[in-house]
Amino acid sequence: MVLYSLFTGLLAIFTYRYLNWHWVAVPWLPVSLIGTAVAFYVGFKNNQSYERGWEARKVWGSIVNLSRSFAAASKAFITKSESHVISREEVGQEIKIILRRHMAWLHALKHAMRQRLAWEHDLPASRRQRRYFEKRIDFSTFQTDAAQCLSQEDLAKLKNKHNAATQLLDMQSQHVASLKSKGWIDDYKHVELQRFITDLYAEQGATERIKNTPLPRQYSTSSHLFILIFTFLLPFAMLHEFDKTTDLMWLMLPFNLVVSWVFSLMEYTGDYSENPFEGLINDVPIYSIIRNIEIDLKEMMDERDVPERMKPVLDVLF
């Protein structure tokens, strides 16, 4: 855009001053009206882009709260029964299976959000950015993450499944139901645990909706086109103003550059904020969020291999 602005400014000055085509100097009022309309349009797009990003962050904040509550409820509800001979070790093992499966669900959702979609940015700069961070951060694969959390039986059930996260929550429901049938939990505890699973389904659906539904293309395409039209006309509208003082005519170039840069930056900001799960630096840091949940859950299970919190790379937290 800088080169484009420089070109339009030089074109305006050259045609106006050196070719004496004074008719290229358009009135300022219609161009300013176009600029006002473009500012409103781009501002609306930026508001919608910000709402998508903020909603995505709220969804993952809710997932954090539900994960902690689900883990705490599982530990509190699944206890040694007086009417059944159950050892403390058996109870602990059942709780670990449920919490580890929940961590696998988080990893499944994480990798689903990382899948590239057709409308997400794939410009050379975006590809270079992804390659740079992939060399410095271990993003792993779902198979690697799931193998650390699930039994071979659960892994076999996920084979050839299109949506691993959905299947894992279904396994949780079946597991809770089996505990109810064994008499390990009563009706109230069963309903409460199932309510947590239902809420997790809802948050999964919310984050999938944001991921799989692009901002309407007419907003992205139209705003970019309007900015190109406005920034092309802008230097021609400035000619009369700077022509009043001949010695200052060349000052039109930096002023034209600044105004064009502001509008272009507004468009760029909205454009790269509309998809909060596309693997770029402005995304919701779901890897860090899941790592924090994993730390909490493993500490609840009194495990020793508790990972460290993820650290920013070049001040970017994924």
C-alpha atoms as a PDB file:
ATOM      1  CA  MET A   1       0.000   0.000   0.000  1.00  0.00           C
ATOM      2  CA  VAL A   2       2.941   2.350   0.603  1.00  0.00           C
ATOM      3  CA  LEU A   3       4.119   1.868  -2.976  1.00  0.00           C
ATOM      4  CA  TYR A   4       0.564   2.232  -4.246  1.00  0.00           C
ATOM      5  CA  SER A   5       0.148   5.504  -2.332  1.00  0.00           C
ATOM      6  CA  LEU A   6       3.491   6.773  -3.596  1.00  0.00           C
ATOM      7  CA  PHE A   7       2.512   5.915  -7.163  1.00  0.00           C
ATOM      8  CA  THR A   8      -0.868   7.673  -6.990  1.00  0.00           C
ATOM      9  CA  GLY A   9       0.714  10.759  -5.403  1.00  0.00           C
ATOM     10  CA  LEU A  10       3.439  10.997  -8.054  1.00  0.00           C
ATOM     11  CA  LEU A  11       0.858  10.396 -10.775  1.00  0.00           C
ATOM     12  CA  ALA A  12      -1.297  13.256  -9.493  1.00  0.00           C
ATOM     13  CA  ILE A  13       1.610  15.702  -9.240  1.00  0.00           C
ATOM     14  CA  PHE A  14       3.071  14.710 -12.619  1.00  0.00           C
ATOM     15  CA  THR A  15      -0.184  15.048 -14.534  1.00  0.00           C
ATOM     16  CA  TYR A  16      -1.212  18.249 -12.760  1.00  0.00           C
ATOM     17  CA  ARG A  17       2.063  20.166 -12.742  1.00  0.00           C
ATOM     18  CA  TYR A  18       4.134  18.819 -15.648  1.00  0.00           C
ATOM     19  CA  LEU A  19       1.422  17.874 -18.134  1.00  0.00           C
ATOM     20  CA  ASN A  20      -0.782  20.812 -17.083  1.00  0.00           C
ATOM     21  CA  TRP A  21      -3.844  18.563 -16.898  1.00  0.00           C
ATOM     22  CA  HIS A  22      -5.561  20.711 -14.306  1.00  0.00           C
ATOM     23  CA  TRP A  23      -8.814  18.861 -14.883  1.00  0.00           C
ATOM     24  CA  VAL A  24      -7.410  15.863 -12.912  1.00  0.00           C
ATOM     25  CA  ALA A  25      -7.778  17.869  -9.688  1.00  0.00           C
ATOM     26  CA  VAL A  26     -11.107  16.660  -8.352  1.00  0.00           C
ATOM     27  CA  PRO A  27     -13.096  18.587  -5.700  1.00  0.00           C
ATOM     28  CA  TRP A  28     -12.289  17.736  -2.098  1.00  0.00           C
ATOM     29  CA  LEU A  29     -15.885  17.468  -0.862  1.00  0.00           C
ATOM     30  CA  PRO A  30     -16.991  14.304  -2.753  1.00  0.00           C
ATOM     31  CA  VAL A  31     -13.710  12.548  -1.927  1.00  0.00           C
ATOM     32  CA  SER A  32     -14.070  13.454   1.756  1.00  0.00           C
ATOM     33  CA  LEU A  33     -17.602  12.028   1.694  1.00  0.00           C
ATOM     34  CA  ILE A  34     -16.220   8.812   0.222  1.00  0.00           C
ATOM     35  CA  GLY A  35     -13.569   8.752   2.938  1.00  0.00           C
ATOM     36  CA  THR A  36     -16.208   9.168   5.645  1.00  0.00           C
ATOM     37  CA  ALA A  37     -18.290   6.337   4.198  1.00  0.00           C
ATOM     38  CA  VAL A  38     -15.222   4.091   3.949  1.00  0.00           C
ATOM     39  CA  ALA A  39     -14.273   4.868   7.558  1.00  0.00           C
ATOM     40  CA  PHE A  40     -17.747   3.851   8.756  1.00  0.00           C
ATOM     41  CA  TYR A  41     -17.685   0.704   6.653  1.00  0.00           C
ATOM     42  CA  VAL A  42     -14.218  -0.379   7.780  1.00  0.00           C
ATOM     43  CA  GLY A  43     -15.091   0.514  11.373  1.00  0.00           C
ATOM     44  CA  PHE A  44     -18.136  -1.758  11.214  1.00  0.00           C
ATOM     45  CA  LYS A  45     -16.019  -4.585   9.822  1.00  0.00           C
ATOM     46  CA  ASN A  46     -13.409  -4.106  12.548  1.00  0.00           C
ATOM     47  CA  ASN A  47     -16.107  -4.174  15.242  1.00  0.00           C
ATOM     48  CA  GLN A  48     -17.430  -7.464  13.883  1.00  0.00           C
ATOM     49  CA  SER A  49     -13.917  -8.907  13.666  1.00  0.00           C
ATOM     50  CA  TYR A  50     -13.195  -7.893  17.254  1.00  0.00           C
ATOM     51  CA  GLU A  51     -16.488  -9.430  18.400  1.00  0.00           C
ATOM     52  CA  ARG A  52     -15.537 -12.738  16.782  1.00  0.00           C
ATOM     53  CA  GLY A  53     -12.144 -12.742  18.486  1.00  0.00           C
ATOM     54  CA  TRP A  54     -13.547 -11.714  21.859  1.00  0.00           C
ATOM     55  CA  GLU A  55     -16.329 -14.288  21.662  1.00  0.00           C
ATOM     56  CA  ALA A  56     -13.734 -16.956  20.875  1.00  0.00           C
ATOM     57  CA  ARG A  57     -11.717 -15.935  23.927  1.00  0.00           C
ATOM     58  CA  LYS A  58     -14.838 -16.036  26.123  1.00  0.00           C
ATOM     59  CA  VAL A  59     -15.672 -19.522  24.843  1.00  0.00           C
ATOM     60  CA  TRP A  60     -12.235 -20.798  25.773  1.00  0.00           C
ATOM     61  CA  GLY A  61     -12.433 -19.046  29.117  1.00  0.00           C
ATOM     62  CA  SER A  62     -15.653 -20.943  29.729  1.00  0.00           C
ATOM     63  CA  ILE A  63     -13.904 -24.174  28.721  1.00  0.00           C
ATOM     64  CA  VAL A  64     -11.253 -23.460  31.366  1.00  0.00           C
ATOM     65  CA  ASN A  65     -13.894 -23.004  34.068  1.00  0.00           C
ATOM     66  CA  LEU A  66     -15.891 -26.056  33.004  1.00  0.00           C
ATOM     67  CA  SER A  67     -12.758 -28.208  32.885  1.00  0.00           C
ATOM     68  CA  ARG A  68     -11.780 -27.318  36.431  1.00  0.00           C
ATOM     69  CA  SER A  69     -15.342 -27.748  37.700  1.00  0.00           C
ATOM     70  CA  PHE A  70     -15.775 -31.069  35.894  1.00  0.00           C
ATOM     71  CA  ALA A  71     -12.521 -32.373  37.358  1.00  0.00           C
ATOM     72  CA  ALA A  72     -13.428 -31.230  40.868  1.00  0.00           C
ATOM     73  CA  ALA A  73     -16.928 -32.736  40.584  1.00  0.00           C
ATOM     74  CA  SER A  74     -15.518 -36.033  39.317  1.00  0.00           C
ATOM     75  CA  LYS A  75     -13.171 -36.261  42.306  1.00  0.00           C
ATOM     76  CA  ALA A  76     -15.921 -35.357  44.750  1.00  0.00           C
ATOM     77  CA  PHE A  77     -18.702 -37.530  43.302  1.00  0.00           C
ATOM     78  CA  ILE A  78     -16.822 -40.722  42.423  1.00  0.00           C
ATOM     79  CA  THR A  79     -16.001 -42.018  45.881  1.00  0.00           C
ATOM     80  CA  LYS A  80     -15.852 -45.281  47.788  1.00  0.00           C
ATOM     81  CA  SER A  81     -19.393 -46.585  48.294  1.00  0.00           C
ATOM     82  CA  GLU A  82     -20.581 -48.142  51.534  1.00  0.00           C
ATOM     83  CA  SER A  83     -22.846 -50.614  49.679  1.00  0.00           C
ATOM     84  CA  HIS A  84     -20.179 -51.786  47.213  1.00  0.00           C
ATOM     85  CA  VAL A  85     -16.713 -53.149  47.814  1.00  0.00           C
ATOM     86  CA  ILE A  86     -14.566 -50.624  45.987  1.00  0.00           C
ATOM     87  CA  SER A  87     -10.971 -49.907  46.825  1.00  0.00           C
ATOM     88  CA  ARG A  88      -9.486 -46.435  46.939  1.00  0.00           C
ATOM     89  CA  GLU A  89      -7.189 -47.428  44.068  1.00  0.00           C
ATOM     90  CA  GLU A  90     -10.140 -48.383  41.867  1.00  0.00           C
ATOM     91  CA  VAL A  91     -11.819 -45.059  42.565  1.00  0.00           C
ATOM     92  CA  GLY A  92      -8.615 -43.180  41.764  1.00  0.00           C
ATOM     93  CA  GLN A  93      -8.181 -45.120  38.537  1.00  0.00           C
ATOM     94  CA  GLU A  94     -11.696 -44.269  37.343  1.00  0.00           C
ATOM     95  CA  ILE A  95     -11.140 -40.598  38.089  1.00  0.00           C
ATOM     96  CA  LYS A  96      -7.835 -40.615  36.201  1.00  0.00           C
ATOM     97  CA  ILE A  97      -9.445 -42.242  33.167  1.00  0.00           C
ATOM     98  CA  ILE A  98     -12.135 -39.548  33.057  1.00  0.00           C
ATOM     99  CA  LEU A  99      -9.724 -36.647  33.561  1.00  0.00           C
ATOM    100  CA  ARG A 100      -7.199 -37.994  31.054  1.00  0.00           C
ATOM    101  CA  ARG A 101      -9.962 -38.472  28.529  1.00  0.00           C
ATOM    102  CA  HIS A 102     -10.966 -34.882  29.152  1.00  0.00           C
ATOM    103  CA  MET A 103      -7.412 -33.768  28.384  1.00  0.00           C
ATOM    104  CA  ALA A 104      -7.590 -35.775  25.159  1.00  0.00           C
ATOM    105  CA  TRP A 105     -10.817 -33.919  24.326  1.00  0.00           C
ATOM    106  CA  LEU A 106      -9.010 -30.615  24.796  1.00  0.00           C
ATOM    107  CA  HIS A 107      -6.214 -31.730  22.480  1.00  0.00           C
ATOM    108  CA  ALA A 108      -8.740 -32.950  19.891  1.00  0.00           C
ATOM    109  CA  LEU A 109     -10.489 -29.583  19.939  1.00  0.00           C
ATOM    110  CA  LYS A 110      -7.155 -27.774  19.763  1.00  0.00           C
ATOM    111  CA  HIS A 111      -6.058 -29.642  16.647  1.00  0.00           C
ATOM    112  CA  ALA A 112      -9.499 -29.223  15.053  1.00  0.00           C
ATOM    113  CA  MET A 113      -9.148 -25.459  15.488  1.00  0.00           C
ATOM    114  CA  ARG A 114      -5.694 -25.562  13.899  1.00  0.00           C
ATOM    115  CA  GLN A 115      -6.930 -27.140  10.652  1.00  0.00           C
ATOM    116  CA  ARG A 116      -6.558 -24.725   7.734  1.00  0.00           C
ATOM    117  CA  LEU A 117      -9.724 -23.618   5.952  1.00  0.00           C
ATOM    118  CA  ALA A 118     -10.078 -22.200   2.454  1.00  0.00           C
ATOM    119  CA  TRP A 119     -10.966 -18.638   3.501  1.00  0.00           C
ATOM    120  CA  GLU A 120      -8.149 -18.232   6.047  1.00  0.00           C
ATOM    121  CA  HIS A 121      -5.019 -16.273   5.188  1.00  0.00           C
ATOM    122  CA  ASP A 122      -2.486 -18.078   3.030  1.00  0.00           C
ATOM    123  CA  LEU A 123      -0.416 -15.208   1.672  1.00  0.00           C
ATOM    124  CA  PRO A 124       3.386 -15.678   1.521  1.00  0.00           C
ATOM    125  CA  ALA A 125       3.802 -13.545   4.673  1.00  0.00           C
ATOM    126  CA  SER A 126       1.328 -15.766   6.561  1.00  0.00           C
ATOM    127  CA  ARG A 127       3.101 -18.931   5.404  1.00  0.00           C
ATOM    128  CA  ARG A 128       6.475 -17.532   6.482  1.00  0.00           C
ATOM    129  CA  GLN A 129       5.016 -16.662   9.880  1.00  0.00           C
ATOM    130  CA  ARG A 130       3.651 -20.177  10.360  1.00  0.00           C
ATOM    131  CA  ARG A 131       6.931 -21.790   9.308  1.00  0.00           C
ATOM    132  CA  TYR A 132       8.887 -19.564  11.691  1.00  0.00           C
ATOM    133  CA  PHE A 133       6.848 -20.525  14.756  1.00  0.00           C
ATOM    134  CA  GLU A 134       6.555 -24.183  13.782  1.00  0.00           C
ATOM    135  CA  LYS A 135      10.354 -24.387  14.059  1.00  0.00           C
ATOM    136  CA  ARG A 136      10.302 -22.911  17.570  1.00  0.00           C
ATOM    137  CA  ILE A 137       7.125 -24.374  19.104  1.00  0.00           C
ATOM    138  CA  ASP A 138       6.200 -28.049  19.336  1.00  0.00           C
ATOM    139  CA  PHE A 139       2.649 -28.076  17.986  1.00  0.00           C
ATOM    140  CA  SER A 140       2.724 -31.927  17.828  1.00  0.00           C
ATOM    141  CA  THR A 141      -0.164 -33.981  16.387  1.00  0.00           C
ATOM    142  CA  PHE A 142      -3.399 -35.256  17.855  1.00  0.00           C
ATOM    143  CA  GLN A 143      -2.141 -38.829  17.664  1.00  0.00           C
ATOM    144  CA  THR A 144       0.885 -37.936  19.785  1.00  0.00           C
ATOM    145  CA  ASP A 145      -1.160 -36.021  22.349  1.00  0.00           C
ATOM    146  CA  ALA A 146      -3.941 -38.630  22.500  1.00  0.00           C
ATOM    147  CA  ALA A 147      -1.481 -41.489  23.031  1.00  0.00           C
ATOM    148  CA  GLN A 148      -0.370 -39.850  26.281  1.00  0.00           C
ATOM    149  CA  CYS A 149      -3.943 -39.557  27.591  1.00  0.00           C
ATOM    150  CA  LEU A 150      -6.010 -42.474  26.297  1.00  0.00           C
ATOM    151  CA  SER A 151      -6.025 -46.227  26.633  1.00  0.00           C
ATOM    152  CA  GLN A 152      -5.560 -48.442  23.591  1.00  0.00           C
ATOM    153  CA  GLU A 153      -9.267 -49.234  23.710  1.00  0.00           C
ATOM    154  CA  ASP A 154     -10.231 -45.567  23.508  1.00  0.00           C
ATOM    155  CA  LEU A 155      -7.694 -44.937  20.754  1.00  0.00           C
ATOM    156  CA  ALA A 156      -9.198 -47.805  18.744  1.00  0.00           C
ATOM    157  CA  LYS A 157     -12.672 -46.285  19.107  1.00  0.00           C
ATOM    158  CA  LEU A 158     -11.429 -43.000  17.649  1.00  0.00           C
ATOM    159  CA  LYS A 159      -9.977 -44.637  14.561  1.00  0.00           C
ATOM    160  CA  ASN A 160     -11.645 -43.432  11.345  1.00  0.00           C
ATOM    161  CA  LYS A 161     -13.819 -40.947  13.283  1.00  0.00           C
ATOM    162  CA  HIS A 162     -14.200 -37.514  11.708  1.00  0.00           C
ATOM    163  CA  ASN A 163     -14.762 -35.544  14.918  1.00  0.00           C
ATOM    164  CA  ALA A 164     -12.631 -36.971  17.720  1.00  0.00           C
ATOM    165  CA  ALA A 165     -13.770 -34.347  20.237  1.00  0.00           C
ATOM    166  CA  THR A 166     -17.428 -35.333  19.852  1.00  0.00           C
ATOM    167  CA  GLN A 167     -16.605 -39.020  20.209  1.00  0.00           C
ATOM    168  CA  LEU A 168     -14.577 -38.396  23.364  1.00  0.00           C
ATOM    169  CA  LEU A 169     -17.447 -36.575  25.048  1.00  0.00           C
ATOM    170  CA  ASP A 170     -19.717 -39.455  24.081  1.00  0.00           C
ATOM    171  CA  MET A 171     -17.258 -41.836  25.752  1.00  0.00           C
ATOM    172  CA  GLN A 172     -17.432 -39.674  28.866  1.00  0.00           C
ATOM    173  CA  SER A 173     -21.226 -39.925  28.877  1.00  0.00           C
ATOM    174  CA  GLN A 174     -21.094 -43.705  28.508  1.00  0.00           C
ATOM    175  CA  HIS A 175     -18.501 -43.945  31.272  1.00  0.00           C
ATOM    176  CA  VAL A 176     -20.570 -41.864  33.667  1.00  0.00           C
ATOM    177  CA  ALA A 177     -23.633 -43.960  32.831  1.00  0.00           C
ATOM    178  CA  SER A 178     -21.699 -47.152  33.579  1.00  0.00           C
ATOM    179  CA  LEU A 179     -20.664 -45.766  36.973  1.00  0.00           C
ATOM    180  CA  LYS A 180     -24.328 -45.055  37.656  1.00  0.00           C
ATOM    181  CA  SER A 181     -25.344 -48.604  36.687  1.00  0.00           C
ATOM    182  CA  LYS A 182     -22.630 -50.011  38.979  1.00  0.00           C
ATOM    183  CA  GLY A 183     -23.954 -47.939  41.860  1.00  0.00           C
ATOM    184  CA  TRP A 184     -20.765 -45.920  42.225  1.00  0.00           C
ATOM    185  CA  ILE A 185     -22.705 -42.663  41.858  1.00  0.00           C
ATOM    186  CA  ASP A 186     -26.357 -41.862  42.569  1.00  0.00           C
ATOM    187  CA  ASP A 187     -28.926 -40.241  40.274  1.00  0.00           C
ATOM    188  CA  TYR A 188     -28.116 -36.703  41.394  1.00  0.00           C
ATOM    189  CA  LYS A 189     -24.372 -37.090  40.805  1.00  0.00           C
ATOM    190  CA  HIS A 190     -25.011 -38.728  37.450  1.00  0.00           C
ATOM    191  CA  VAL A 191     -27.188 -35.810  36.329  1.00  0.00           C
ATOM    192  CA  GLU A 192     -24.623 -33.260  37.502  1.00  0.00           C
ATOM    193  CA  LEU A 193     -21.715 -34.946  35.717  1.00  0.00           C
ATOM    194  CA  GLN A 194     -23.791 -35.295  32.567  1.00  0.00           C
ATOM    195  CA  ARG A 195     -24.667 -31.600  32.792  1.00  0.00           C
ATOM    196  CA  PHE A 196     -20.968 -30.741  32.677  1.00  0.00           C
ATOM    197  CA  ILE A 197     -20.567 -32.926  29.585  1.00  0.00           C
ATOM    198  CA  THR A 198     -23.543 -31.212  27.964  1.00  0.00           C
ATOM    199  CA  ASP A 199     -22.035 -27.802  28.708  1.00  0.00           C
ATOM    200  CA  LEU A 200     -18.749 -28.932  27.157  1.00  0.00           C
ATOM    201  CA  TYR A 201     -20.666 -29.970  24.041  1.00  0.00           C
ATOM    202  CA  ALA A 202     -22.156 -26.465  23.917  1.00  0.00           C
ATOM    203  CA  GLU A 203     -18.742 -24.772  24.153  1.00  0.00           C
ATOM    204  CA  GLN A 204     -17.340 -27.128  21.535  1.00  0.00           C
ATOM    205  CA  GLY A 205     -20.192 -26.165  19.224  1.00  0.00           C
ATOM    206  CA  ALA A 206     -19.541 -22.475  19.861  1.00  0.00           C
ATOM    207  CA  THR A 207     -15.848 -22.652  19.010  1.00  0.00           C
ATOM    208  CA  GLU A 208     -16.588 -24.799  15.927  1.00  0.00           C
ATOM    209  CA  ARG A 209     -19.161 -22.235  14.800  1.00  0.00           C
ATOM    210  CA  ILE A 210     -16.604 -19.425  14.958  1.00  0.00           C
ATOM    211  CA  LYS A 211     -13.988 -21.560  13.213  1.00  0.00           C
ATOM    212  CA  ASN A 212     -16.219 -22.848  10.423  1.00  0.00           C
ATOM    213  CA  THR A 213     -18.224 -19.688   9.698  1.00  0.00           C
ATOM    214  CA  PRO A 214     -16.266 -16.917   7.961  1.00  0.00           C
ATOM    215  CA  LEU A 215     -17.065 -13.249   8.205  1.00  0.00           C
ATOM    216  CA  PRO A 216     -19.393 -12.612   5.216  1.00  0.00           C
ATOM    217  CA  ARG A 217     -17.164 -12.149   2.191  1.00  0.00           C
ATOM    218  CA  GLN A 218     -19.001  -9.043   0.997  1.00  0.00           C
ATOM    219  CA  TYR A 219     -17.585  -7.120   3.962  1.00  0.00           C
ATOM    220  CA  SER A 220     -13.997  -8.184   3.328  1.00  0.00           C
ATOM    221  CA  THR A 221     -14.098  -7.704  -0.437  1.00  0.00           C
ATOM    222  CA  SER A 222     -16.061  -4.454  -0.444  1.00  0.00           C
ATOM    223  CA  SER A 223     -13.979  -2.701   2.210  1.00  0.00           C
ATOM    224  CA  HIS A 224     -10.752  -3.499   0.370  1.00  0.00           C
ATOM    225  CA  LEU A 225     -12.208  -2.222  -2.907  1.00  0.00           C
ATOM    226  CA  PHE A 226     -13.545   0.969  -1.306  1.00  0.00           C
ATOM    227  CA  ILE A 227     -10.150   1.733   0.234  1.00  0.00           C
ATOM    228  CA  LEU A 228      -8.416   1.285  -3.127  1.00  0.00           C
ATOM    229  CA  ILE A 229     -10.877   3.714  -4.745  1.00  0.00           C
ATOM    230  CA  PHE A 230     -10.548   6.276  -1.945  1.00  0.00           C
ATOM    231  CA  THR A 231      -6.746   6.157  -1.764  1.00  0.00           C
ATOM    232  CA  PHE A 232      -6.545   6.525  -5.554  1.00  0.00           C
ATOM    233  CA  LEU A 233      -8.736   9.636  -5.559  1.00  0.00           C
ATOM    234  CA  LEU A 234      -7.189  11.143  -2.429  1.00  0.00           C
ATOM    235  CA  PRO A 235      -4.043  12.758  -3.960  1.00  0.00           C
ATOM    236  CA  PHE A 236      -6.071  14.229  -6.823  1.00  0.00           C
ATOM    237  CA  ALA A 237      -8.379  15.839  -4.248  1.00  0.00           C
ATOM    238  CA  MET A 238      -5.369  17.304  -2.397  1.00  0.00           C
ATOM    239  CA  LEU A 239      -3.955  19.047  -5.478  1.00  0.00           C
ATOM    240  CA  HIS A 240      -5.924  22.276  -5.116  1.00  0.00           C
ATOM    241  CA  GLU A 241      -5.043  22.574  -1.430  1.00  0.00           C
ATOM    242  CA  PHE A 242      -1.292  22.173  -1.942  1.00  0.00           C
ATOM    243  CA  ASP A 243      -1.299  24.155  -5.188  1.00  0.00           C
ATOM    244  CA  LYS A 244      -2.131  27.283  -3.205  1.00  0.00           C
ATOM    245  CA  THR A 245       1.522  27.324  -2.149  1.00  0.00           C
ATOM    246  CA  THR A 246       3.617  26.088  -5.051  1.00  0.00           C
ATOM    247  CA  ASP A 247       6.674  25.432  -2.937  1.00  0.00           C
ATOM    248  CA  LEU A 248       4.734  22.967  -0.792  1.00  0.00           C
ATOM    249  CA  MET A 249       3.292  20.856  -3.601  1.00  0.00           C
ATOM    250  CA  TRP A 250       5.640  17.946  -2.872  1.00  0.00           C
ATOM    251  CA  LEU A 251       4.440  17.872   0.742  1.00  0.00           C
ATOM    252  CA  MET A 252       1.316  16.232  -0.628  1.00  0.00           C
ATOM    253  CA  LEU A 253       3.216  12.941  -0.913  1.00  0.00           C
ATOM    254  CA  PRO A 254       3.827  12.387   2.835  1.00  0.00           C
ATOM    255  CA  PHE A 255       0.311  13.571   3.730  1.00  0.00           C
ATOM    256  CA  ASN A 256      -1.186  11.263   1.129  1.00  0.00           C
ATOM    257  CA  LEU A 257       0.999   8.443   2.421  1.00  0.00           C
ATOM    258  CA  VAL A 258      -0.075   8.935   6.050  1.00  0.00           C
ATOM    259  CA  VAL A 259      -3.809   9.061   5.297  1.00  0.00           C
ATOM    260  CA  SER A 260      -3.620   6.040   2.993  1.00  0.00           C
ATOM    261  CA  TRP A 261      -1.575   4.138   5.575  1.00  0.00           C
ATOM    262  CA  VAL A 262      -4.148   4.805   8.322  1.00  0.00           C
ATOM    263  CA  PHE A 263      -7.024   3.485   6.221  1.00  0.00           C
ATOM    264  CA  SER A 264      -4.991   0.497   5.040  1.00  0.00           C
ATOM    265  CA  LEU A 265      -3.930  -0.351   8.592  1.00  0.00           C
ATOM    266  CA  MET A 266      -7.561  -0.250   9.725  1.00  0.00           C
ATOM    267  CA  GLU A 267      -8.467  -2.677   6.938  1.00  0.00           C
ATOM    268  CA  TYR A 268      -5.469  -4.895   7.694  1.00  0.00           C
ATOM    269  CA  THR A 269      -6.294  -5.032  11.410  1.00  0.00           C
ATOM    270  CA  GLY A 270      -9.872  -6.106  10.803  1.00  0.00           C
ATOM    271  CA  ASP A 271      -8.873  -8.579   8.119  1.00  0.00           C
ATOM    272  CA  TYR A 272      -6.405 -10.415  10.374  1.00  0.00           C
ATOM    273  CA  SER A 273      -8.700 -10.347  13.406  1.00  0.00           C
ATOM    274  CA  GLU A 274     -11.735 -12.027  11.862  1.00  0.00           C
ATOM    275  CA  ASN A 275     -10.381 -15.591  12.108  1.00  0.00           C
ATOM    276  CA  PRO A 276      -9.192 -16.238  15.695  1.00  0.00           C
ATOM    277  CA  PHE A 277      -8.081 -19.845  15.073  1.00  0.00           C
ATOM    278  CA  GLU A 278      -5.968 -19.745  11.912  1.00  0.00           C
ATOM    279  CA  GLY A 279      -2.511 -20.248  13.433  1.00  0.00           C
ATOM    280  CA  LEU A 280      -1.229 -16.658  13.295  1.00  0.00           C
ATOM    281  CA  ILE A 281       0.113 -14.361  15.995  1.00  0.00           C
ATOM    282  CA  ASN A 282      -3.224 -12.613  16.693  1.00  0.00           C
ATOM    283  CA  ASP A 283      -5.086 -15.849  17.458  1.00  0.00           C
ATOM    284  CA  VAL A 284      -6.641 -16.914  20.745  1.00  0.00           C
ATOM    285  CA  PRO A 285      -3.761 -18.685  22.588  1.00  0.00           C
ATOM    286  CA  ILE A 286      -5.498 -22.063  22.876  1.00  0.00           C
ATOM    287  CA  TYR A 287      -2.230 -24.011  23.225  1.00  0.00           C
ATOM    288  CA  SER A 288      -1.314 -22.011  26.308  1.00  0.00           C
ATOM    289  CA  ILE A 289      -4.868 -22.257  27.668  1.00  0.00           C
ATOM    290  CA  ILE A 290      -4.903 -26.037  27.295  1.00  0.00           C
ATOM    291  CA  ARG A 291      -1.459 -26.326  28.875  1.00  0.00           C
ATOM    292  CA  ASN A 292      -2.749 -24.419  31.921  1.00  0.00           C
ATOM    293  CA  ILE A 293      -5.786 -26.721  32.178  1.00  0.00           C
ATOM    294  CA  GLU A 294      -3.519 -29.745  31.855  1.00  0.00           C
ATOM    295  CA  ILE A 295      -1.376 -28.470  34.715  1.00  0.00           C
ATOM    296  CA  ASP A 296      -4.443 -27.998  36.919  1.00  0.00           C
ATOM    297  CA  LEU A 297      -5.845 -31.434  36.164  1.00  0.00           C
ATOM    298  CA  LYS A 298      -2.569 -33.262  36.679  1.00  0.00           C
ATOM    299  CA  GLU A 299      -2.023 -31.511  39.983  1.00  0.00           C
ATOM    300  CA  MET A 300      -5.543 -32.569  41.008  1.00  0.00           C
ATOM    301  CA  MET A 301      -4.509 -36.159  40.264  1.00  0.00           C
ATOM    302  CA  ASP A 302      -1.250 -35.694  42.230  1.00  0.00           C
ATOM    303  CA  GLU A 303       0.822 -36.644  39.202  1.00  0.00           C
ATOM    304  CA  ARG A 304       4.510 -35.880  39.021  1.00  0.00           C
ATOM    305  CA  ASP A 305       4.968 -35.221  35.303  1.00  0.00           C
ATOM    306  CA  VAL A 306       3.335 -31.797  35.437  1.00  0.00           C
ATOM    307  CA  PRO A 307       4.406 -29.718  32.410  1.00  0.00           C
ATOM    308  CA  GLU A 308       5.565 -26.126  32.580  1.00  0.00           C
ATOM    309  CA  ARG A 309       3.465 -23.231  31.390  1.00  0.00           C
ATOM    310  CA  MET A 310       4.060 -22.212  27.804  1.00  0.00           C
ATOM    311  CA  LYS A 311       6.303 -19.194  27.368  1.00  0.00           C
ATOM    312  CA  PRO A 312       5.919 -16.493  24.719  1.00  0.00           C
ATOM    313  CA  VAL A 313       8.101 -16.670  21.627  1.00  0.00           C
ATOM    314  CA  LEU A 314       8.977 -13.160  20.453  1.00  0.00           C
ATOM    315  CA  ASP A 315       6.251 -11.894  22.804  1.00  0.00           C
ATOM    316  CA  VAL A 316       3.692 -14.126  21.044  1.00  0.00           C
ATOM    317  CA  LEU A 317       1.726 -16.671  23.086  1.00  0.00           C
ATOM    318  CA  PHE A 318       0.055 -19.479  21.184  1.00  0.00           C
END
